[in-house]
């Protein structure tokens, strides 16, 4: 079923998933086959992120009957190792050798920005199920680029507004030094009206934060806003609690720093921490309840936002391929169908803006324990409704 070739993995989803799921009520297009190039980070301290995205995407395909829109699916998988140059090599190989019609899966914005160039210049569709760099939302937008997840700035924008409404006067900001880190802090500052008493960009994958924690203690802010995904978030949260700062300075983050890729490893050190998000494992709607239950049954863990957007990505493609009549070889028909596709998102309200980024709601969550003693993000209050990114005005598409 799985075959290794030159750093890529081919996954024939049709047989594996169709056998495990009820057939979807959609026609089969025997002459067509959808090839999806799935590039993500599957190794190193951030490898958990790629796993979440792929698991969510595959579950979405399973729930569509092992096909997408009635069309057989082949996933060509590649590990970008969180390195832009590796991501580009994988993308070029997938485009030239494998003839993929869709590229997706990238979780780091610096990798996506590098990969977007060859993919979009080839007029191949890129569907982002995670990374949402500002550069592709404004003047650099493309009719072949779609983001079904978020624009990087948006989740921290919601936290900036919340802390402003809460009356927090001073805040200290931290993020890794790469495009998403800069977008995150820019988004927070766009809506935070208090004083930023420190803004620090740390080395990507930095394991130790002793110097930064000492600087926070000296600055004495009312709040700390941090963005550290995956392994970086685990290290930062543990060290923040161990330093004693947790009891002195309130800690806030975007959902990506306090989700199920982080919480099980951090443990009680994360309790009482607040985040903003467009989705959580407890989001109240029928589609999400079914997704969370199915994900836990399939993988033995609670899904993260990455798994949720991976799942929604597959659901979006399923709807789009149906709308295109299964003609996945017609990229213009498929692109048009993606733009107008209607699907039931696990997050509830969702639609594409003119720049092909989401317009969606954002809310405040708190890390608590559920009835089984597991750390989860509990809904606390709405923050932004039908929120769009700040860059759409610079996109020439209508």
Protein backbone atom coordinates (compact mmCIF):
# COMPACT_ATOMS: atom_id res chain seq x y z
CA UNK A 1 0.00 0.00 0.00
CA UNK A 2 2.85 2.40 0.77
CA UNK A 3 5.88 2.90 -1.42
CA UNK A 4 9.03 4.90 -0.73
CA UNK A 5 10.67 6.74 -3.62
CA UNK A 6 13.25 9.53 -3.51
CA UNK A 7 12.08 11.00 -0.22
CA UNK A 8 8.38 10.82 -1.14
CA UNK A 9 5.64 8.51 0.05
CA UNK A 10 2.66 7.53 -2.08
CA UNK A 11 -0.53 6.72 -0.24
CA UNK A 12 -3.24 5.01 -2.29
CA UNK A 13 -6.20 6.18 -0.28
CA UNK A 14 -8.91 4.63 -2.42
CA UNK A 15 -8.42 1.03 -1.29
CA UNK A 16 -7.37 1.71 2.28
CA UNK A 17 -10.08 4.17 3.09
CA UNK A 18 -12.99 2.97 0.99
CA UNK A 19 -12.81 -0.36 2.79
CA UNK A 20 -13.02 1.38 6.14
CA UNK A 21 -15.84 3.83 5.43
CA UNK A 22 -19.36 3.89 4.03
CA UNK A 23 -19.54 4.93 0.40
CA UNK A 24 -20.42 8.57 -0.11
CA UNK A 25 -23.51 9.37 -2.11
CA UNK A 26 -21.59 10.73 -5.09
CA UNK A 27 -20.86 9.47 -8.61
CA UNK A 28 -17.59 7.72 -9.46
CA UNK A 29 -15.45 9.26 -12.20
CA UNK A 30 -13.40 6.29 -13.38
CA UNK A 31 -11.42 8.24 -15.96
CA UNK A 32 -10.21 10.84 -13.48
CA UNK A 33 -7.80 10.61 -10.55
CA UNK A 34 -6.92 13.36 -8.10
CA UNK A 35 -3.25 13.51 -7.17
CA UNK A 36 -2.52 15.52 -4.03
CA UNK A 37 1.02 16.56 -3.16
CA UNK A 38 1.09 16.64 0.67
CA UNK A 39 4.19 18.48 1.89
CA UNK A 40 4.52 18.97 5.64
CA UNK A 41 6.90 18.64 8.58
CA UNK A 42 6.96 15.02 9.70
CA UNK A 43 10.34 14.84 11.47
CA UNK A 44 12.16 16.66 14.25
CA UNK A 45 10.61 18.58 17.18
CA UNK A 46 7.82 19.96 14.95
CA UNK A 47 6.91 16.63 13.34
CA UNK A 48 3.72 16.40 15.38
CA UNK A 49 2.26 19.24 13.30
CA UNK A 50 2.56 17.39 10.01
CA UNK A 51 1.06 14.29 11.58
CA UNK A 52 -1.97 16.25 12.80
CA UNK A 53 -2.56 17.82 9.39
CA UNK A 54 -2.26 14.54 7.50
CA UNK A 55 -4.39 12.59 9.98
CA UNK A 56 -7.14 15.19 9.77
CA UNK A 57 -6.99 15.27 5.98
CA UNK A 58 -7.07 11.49 5.66
CA UNK A 59 -10.04 11.28 8.03
CA UNK A 60 -11.86 13.78 5.80
CA UNK A 61 -11.19 11.57 2.78
CA UNK A 62 -12.36 8.52 4.72
CA UNK A 63 -15.62 10.26 5.59
CA UNK A 64 -16.10 11.06 1.89
CA UNK A 65 -16.06 7.34 1.15
CA UNK A 66 -12.36 6.99 0.37
CA UNK A 67 -12.63 9.36 -2.59
CA UNK A 68 -13.02 13.12 -3.06
CA UNK A 69 -16.11 14.12 -4.98
CA UNK A 70 -16.36 10.55 -6.29
CA UNK A 71 -12.83 10.63 -7.72
CA UNK A 72 -10.02 8.28 -6.71
CA UNK A 73 -7.33 9.98 -4.62
CA UNK A 74 -3.58 9.43 -4.43
CA UNK A 75 -1.55 11.34 -1.85
CA UNK A 76 2.12 11.88 -2.62
CA UNK A 77 3.66 12.68 0.75
CA UNK A 78 6.90 14.56 1.43
CA UNK A 79 8.71 15.66 4.62
CA UNK A 80 9.95 19.25 4.29
CA UNK A 81 11.90 18.96 7.60
CA UNK A 82 10.78 22.57 8.31
CA UNK A 83 13.30 23.68 5.64
CA UNK A 84 12.23 25.91 2.71
CA UNK A 85 14.79 24.47 0.28
CA UNK A 86 13.64 20.92 0.99
CA UNK A 87 10.04 21.99 0.50
CA UNK A 88 10.86 23.49 -2.90
CA UNK A 89 12.65 20.33 -4.02
CA UNK A 90 9.65 18.23 -3.04
CA UNK A 91 7.19 20.56 -4.76
CA UNK A 92 9.16 20.66 -8.01
CA UNK A 93 9.39 16.86 -8.04
CA UNK A 94 5.67 16.49 -7.40
CA UNK A 95 4.82 18.92 -10.17
CA UNK A 96 7.20 17.51 -12.77
CA UNK A 97 7.21 13.78 -12.03
CA UNK A 98 3.97 13.07 -10.22
CA UNK A 99 1.80 15.62 -12.05
CA UNK A 100 -0.17 16.52 -8.91
CA UNK A 101 -3.23 18.74 -9.38
CA UNK A 102 -3.27 20.00 -5.78
CA UNK A 103 -0.44 20.81 -3.36
CA UNK A 104 -1.26 21.16 0.34
CA UNK A 105 -0.10 20.39 3.89
CA UNK A 106 2.65 22.92 4.71
CA UNK A 107 2.61 24.07 8.33
CA UNK A 108 5.41 26.67 8.42
CA UNK A 109 5.01 29.99 6.61
CA UNK A 110 8.65 30.27 5.54
CA UNK A 111 8.36 26.90 3.80
CA UNK A 112 5.06 27.85 2.19
CA UNK A 113 6.42 31.16 0.87
CA UNK A 114 9.27 29.29 -0.82
CA UNK A 115 7.04 26.53 -2.21
CA UNK A 116 4.34 28.92 -3.42
CA UNK A 117 6.59 30.33 -6.13
CA UNK A 118 7.05 27.18 -8.26
CA UNK A 119 3.53 25.91 -7.53
CA UNK A 120 1.66 29.09 -8.38
CA UNK A 121 3.89 29.96 -11.34
CA UNK A 122 2.92 26.55 -12.72
CA UNK A 123 -0.75 27.52 -12.21
CA UNK A 124 -1.18 24.55 -9.90
CA UNK A 125 -3.63 24.96 -7.05
CA UNK A 126 -2.18 25.32 -3.57
CA UNK A 127 -4.70 24.72 -0.77
CA UNK A 128 -3.33 25.80 2.58
CA UNK A 129 -4.72 23.86 5.50
CA UNK A 130 -2.44 25.61 8.00
CA UNK A 131 0.12 28.32 7.22
CA UNK A 132 -1.41 31.71 6.35
CA UNK A 133 1.38 34.21 5.56
CA UNK A 134 0.46 37.86 5.07
CA UNK A 135 2.50 38.00 1.84
CA UNK A 136 -0.07 35.80 0.06
CA UNK A 137 -3.08 37.67 1.45
CA UNK A 138 -2.40 41.10 -0.03
CA UNK A 139 -0.54 42.20 -3.14
CA UNK A 140 0.91 38.69 -3.54
CA UNK A 141 -2.50 36.97 -3.66
CA UNK A 142 -3.13 34.45 -6.43
CA UNK A 143 -6.25 32.91 -8.00
CA UNK A 144 -4.51 29.53 -7.59
CA UNK A 145 -3.89 29.95 -3.85
CA UNK A 146 -6.59 29.17 -1.28
CA UNK A 147 -6.39 29.10 2.50
CA UNK A 148 -9.03 27.06 4.33
CA UNK A 149 -7.39 27.62 7.74
CA UNK A 150 -6.58 31.22 8.77
CA UNK A 151 -4.46 34.25 8.02
CA UNK A 152 -1.59 34.30 10.52
CA UNK A 153 -2.44 37.69 11.99
CA UNK A 154 -6.08 36.92 12.77
CA UNK A 155 -5.91 34.72 15.87
CA UNK A 156 -3.54 37.11 17.70
CA UNK A 157 -5.64 40.07 16.54
CA UNK A 158 -8.48 38.58 18.55
CA UNK A 159 -6.25 38.33 21.63
CA UNK A 160 -5.09 41.92 21.15
CA UNK A 161 -8.71 43.04 21.16
CA UNK A 162 -9.56 40.90 24.19
CA UNK A 163 -6.70 42.26 26.29
CA UNK A 164 -7.59 45.81 25.26
CA UNK A 165 -11.22 45.27 26.26
CA UNK A 166 -9.99 43.70 29.51
CA UNK A 167 -8.04 46.87 30.31
CA UNK A 168 -4.56 45.30 30.29
CA UNK A 169 -2.15 48.24 30.18
CA UNK A 170 1.21 46.54 29.46
CA UNK A 171 2.20 43.44 27.54
CA UNK A 172 5.40 41.58 26.68
CA UNK A 173 5.51 39.72 23.33
CA UNK A 174 7.53 36.71 22.19
CA UNK A 175 7.64 34.65 18.98
CA UNK A 176 10.17 32.71 16.88
CA UNK A 177 11.99 34.72 14.22
CA UNK A 178 10.30 33.58 11.01
CA UNK A 179 7.38 34.92 8.91
CA UNK A 180 4.54 33.50 10.99
CA UNK A 181 6.11 34.78 14.21
CA UNK A 182 6.28 38.29 12.75
CA UNK A 183 2.71 38.06 11.47
CA UNK A 184 1.48 36.90 14.87
CA UNK A 185 2.97 39.80 16.77
CA UNK A 186 1.94 42.29 14.08
CA UNK A 187 -1.61 41.03 14.40
CA UNK A 188 -1.61 41.33 18.17
CA UNK A 189 -0.26 44.91 18.04
CA UNK A 190 -2.84 45.91 15.41
CA UNK A 191 -5.65 45.52 17.98
CA UNK A 192 -3.85 45.95 21.31
CA UNK A 193 -4.05 49.53 22.53
CA UNK A 194 -1.92 49.19 25.65
CA UNK A 195 1.87 49.58 25.90
CA UNK A 196 4.17 46.88 24.50
CA UNK A 197 7.05 46.83 27.00
CA UNK A 198 9.02 44.12 25.20
CA UNK A 199 8.99 42.46 21.79
CA UNK A 200 11.38 39.56 21.31
CA UNK A 201 11.97 37.27 18.32
CA UNK A 202 13.82 34.14 19.37
CA UNK A 203 15.70 31.62 17.24
CA UNK A 204 13.49 29.11 15.43
CA UNK A 205 13.40 25.83 17.41
CA UNK A 206 15.22 27.46 20.33
CA UNK A 207 15.04 24.99 23.26
CA UNK A 208 15.90 27.26 26.22
CA UNK A 209 14.17 30.51 27.23
CA UNK A 210 15.97 31.39 30.47
CA UNK A 211 17.23 34.75 29.18
CA UNK A 212 13.81 35.72 27.86
CA UNK A 213 12.11 34.75 31.13
CA UNK A 214 14.58 36.85 33.10
CA UNK A 215 13.82 39.82 30.84
CA UNK A 216 10.09 39.37 31.41
CA UNK A 217 10.56 39.35 35.16
CA UNK A 218 12.55 42.57 34.94
CA UNK A 219 9.99 44.29 32.67
CA UNK A 220 7.07 43.41 35.00
CA UNK A 221 4.28 43.46 32.40
CA UNK A 222 0.64 42.78 33.22
CA UNK A 223 0.49 40.13 30.49
CA UNK A 224 2.72 38.01 28.28
CA UNK A 225 1.56 37.10 24.77
CA UNK A 226 3.55 34.29 23.16
CA UNK A 227 3.47 32.28 19.93
CA UNK A 228 5.43 29.04 20.05
CA UNK A 229 3.97 26.07 18.16
CA UNK A 230 4.78 22.39 18.67
CA UNK A 231 7.98 21.56 20.55
CA UNK A 232 8.83 25.23 21.07
CA UNK A 233 5.53 25.74 22.90
CA UNK A 234 6.12 22.73 25.12
CA UNK A 235 9.53 24.02 26.21
CA UNK A 236 8.37 27.58 26.74
CA UNK A 237 5.30 26.69 28.81
CA UNK A 238 7.21 24.29 31.03
CA UNK A 239 10.00 26.77 31.64
CA UNK A 240 7.53 29.62 32.26
CA UNK A 241 5.88 27.62 35.04
CA UNK A 242 9.19 26.42 36.48
CA UNK A 243 10.48 30.00 36.65
CA UNK A 244 7.60 31.02 38.92
CA UNK A 245 6.31 33.60 36.45
CA UNK A 246 3.03 31.75 35.95
CA UNK A 247 1.83 32.95 39.34
CA UNK A 248 3.05 36.51 38.72
CA UNK A 249 2.27 37.44 35.09
CA UNK A 250 -0.78 36.21 33.18
CA UNK A 251 0.09 34.25 30.05
CA UNK A 252 -1.89 34.43 26.81
CA UNK A 253 -1.37 32.83 23.42
CA UNK A 254 -2.94 31.96 20.11
CA UNK A 255 -4.53 28.52 19.94
CA UNK A 256 -1.48 27.09 18.13
CA UNK A 257 0.58 27.42 21.32
CA UNK A 258 -2.02 25.86 23.61
CA UNK A 259 -3.53 23.06 21.56
CA UNK A 260 -3.41 19.26 21.64
CA UNK A 261 0.05 19.18 20.06
CA UNK A 262 1.30 20.93 23.22
CA UNK A 263 -1.05 20.35 26.17
CA UNK A 264 -0.50 16.60 26.82
CA UNK A 265 3.26 17.15 27.16
CA UNK A 266 2.99 20.32 29.25
CA UNK A 267 0.45 19.05 31.76
CA UNK A 268 -0.91 21.16 34.59
CA UNK A 269 1.56 23.98 33.88
CA UNK A 270 -0.87 25.11 31.16
CA UNK A 271 -3.99 25.18 33.36
CA UNK A 272 -5.74 28.55 33.48
CA UNK A 273 -3.95 29.89 30.41
CA UNK A 274 -6.11 31.72 27.85
CA UNK A 275 -6.00 31.65 24.08
CA UNK A 276 -8.00 32.91 21.13
CA UNK A 277 -9.02 30.62 18.28
CA UNK A 278 -11.41 30.01 15.39
CA UNK A 279 -12.07 26.45 16.63
CA UNK A 280 -11.55 24.20 19.62
CA UNK A 281 -12.13 20.54 20.39
CA UNK A 282 -15.31 21.60 22.21
CA UNK A 283 -16.82 23.75 19.44
CA UNK A 284 -20.58 23.21 19.62
CA UNK A 285 -21.97 22.01 16.32
CA UNK A 286 -22.96 18.63 14.91
CA UNK A 287 -20.16 18.47 12.34
CA UNK A 288 -17.50 19.11 14.95
CA UNK A 289 -18.92 16.65 17.44
CA UNK A 290 -18.85 13.92 14.81
CA UNK A 291 -15.31 14.89 13.74
CA UNK A 292 -13.86 14.91 17.28
CA UNK A 293 -15.46 11.56 18.14
CA UNK A 294 -14.24 9.98 14.89
CA UNK A 295 -10.73 11.42 15.27
CA UNK A 296 -10.39 10.11 18.83
CA UNK A 297 -11.67 6.70 17.73
CA UNK A 298 -9.26 6.56 14.79
CA UNK A 299 -6.10 7.97 16.41
CA UNK A 300 -6.58 7.68 20.17
CA UNK A 301 -6.10 11.36 20.91
CA UNK A 302 -7.99 14.68 20.90
CA UNK A 303 -7.57 16.61 17.63
CA UNK A 304 -5.77 19.94 17.39
CA UNK A 305 -6.72 22.94 15.19
CA UNK A 306 -4.29 21.55 12.58
CA UNK A 307 -6.25 18.30 12.43
CA UNK A 308 -9.50 20.27 12.17
CA UNK A 309 -8.29 22.40 9.25
CA UNK A 310 -6.82 19.32 7.57
CA UNK A 311 -10.23 17.68 7.86
CA UNK A 312 -11.99 20.79 6.54
CA UNK A 313 -9.53 20.89 3.64
CA UNK A 314 -10.59 17.43 2.54
CA UNK A 315 -14.27 18.32 2.96
CA UNK A 316 -13.77 21.44 0.86
CA UNK A 317 -12.08 19.45 -1.91
CA UNK A 318 -14.82 16.83 -1.80
CA UNK A 319 -17.45 19.53 -2.37
CA UNK A 320 -15.37 21.25 -5.06
CA UNK A 321 -14.64 18.09 -7.06
CA UNK A 322 -18.35 17.25 -7.03
CA UNK A 323 -19.17 20.77 -8.23
CA UNK A 324 -16.59 20.43 -11.01
CA UNK A 325 -18.22 17.24 -12.20
CA UNK A 326 -15.15 15.23 -11.27
CA UNK A 327 -13.03 16.97 -13.90
CA UNK A 328 -9.91 17.31 -11.74
CA UNK A 329 -7.69 17.52 -14.83
CA UNK A 330 -9.38 20.83 -15.71
CA UNK A 331 -7.55 23.12 -13.30
CA UNK A 332 -9.64 26.19 -14.16
CA UNK A 333 -12.89 24.32 -13.50
CA UNK A 334 -11.45 22.95 -10.26
CA UNK A 335 -10.18 26.37 -9.18
CA UNK A 336 -13.58 27.95 -9.80
CA UNK A 337 -15.27 25.13 -7.91
CA UNK A 338 -12.98 25.55 -4.88
CA UNK A 339 -13.76 29.26 -4.73
CA UNK A 340 -17.49 28.65 -4.59
CA UNK A 341 -17.59 25.31 -2.77
CA UNK A 342 -20.12 24.91 0.04
CA UNK A 343 -19.28 22.49 2.83
CA UNK A 344 -20.14 22.06 6.50
CA UNK A 345 -17.09 23.28 8.38
CA UNK A 346 -16.28 21.89 11.81
CA UNK A 347 -15.73 25.46 13.00
CA UNK A 348 -19.21 26.61 11.97
CA UNK A 349 -19.19 29.89 10.06
CA UNK A 350 -16.72 29.94 7.14
CA UNK A 351 -16.43 31.60 3.73
CA UNK A 352 -13.63 32.72 1.41
CA UNK A 353 -12.89 36.43 1.11
CA UNK A 354 -11.90 37.95 -2.24
CA UNK A 355 -8.24 37.10 -1.50
CA UNK A 356 -9.15 33.42 -0.93
CA UNK A 357 -8.52 33.66 2.82
CA UNK A 358 -11.21 32.83 5.40
CA UNK A 359 -13.78 35.13 6.92
CA UNK A 360 -14.68 33.50 10.24
CA UNK A 361 -15.39 33.97 13.94
CA UNK A 362 -12.84 34.07 16.77
CA UNK A 363 -13.42 33.37 20.46
CA UNK A 364 -11.66 33.21 23.83
CA UNK A 365 -10.78 29.85 25.39
CA UNK A 366 -9.28 28.71 28.71
CA UNK A 367 -7.23 25.58 29.37
CA UNK A 368 -9.17 23.38 31.82
CA UNK A 369 -9.57 19.68 32.58
CA UNK A 370 -12.45 17.74 31.06
CA UNK A 371 -14.47 15.00 32.78
CA UNK A 372 -11.70 12.50 31.97
CA UNK A 373 -8.99 14.72 33.48
CA UNK A 374 -7.56 15.71 30.10
CA UNK A 375 -6.44 19.24 29.31
CA UNK A 376 -8.78 20.91 26.81
CA UNK A 377 -9.68 24.39 25.61
CA UNK A 378 -13.02 25.48 27.05
CA UNK A 379 -15.07 28.23 25.37
CA UNK A 380 -15.33 31.42 27.37
CA UNK A 381 -16.57 34.29 25.19
CA UNK A 382 -16.92 35.53 21.60
CA UNK A 383 -14.30 38.07 20.50
CA UNK A 384 -14.65 38.73 16.75
CA UNK A 385 -17.43 37.80 14.32
CA UNK A 386 -17.00 37.45 10.53
CA UNK A 387 -13.47 38.78 10.88
CA UNK A 388 -11.33 39.35 7.78
CA UNK A 389 -7.59 39.94 7.47
CA UNK A 390 -5.97 43.35 7.15
CA UNK A 391 -4.36 42.64 3.76
CA UNK A 392 -7.39 41.87 1.59
CA UNK A 393 -7.61 45.51 0.48
CA UNK A 394 -4.26 45.10 -1.30
CA UNK A 395 -5.32 42.02 -3.27
CA UNK A 396 -6.33 42.78 -6.88
CA UNK A 397 -8.73 39.83 -7.10
CA UNK A 398 -12.44 40.52 -6.76
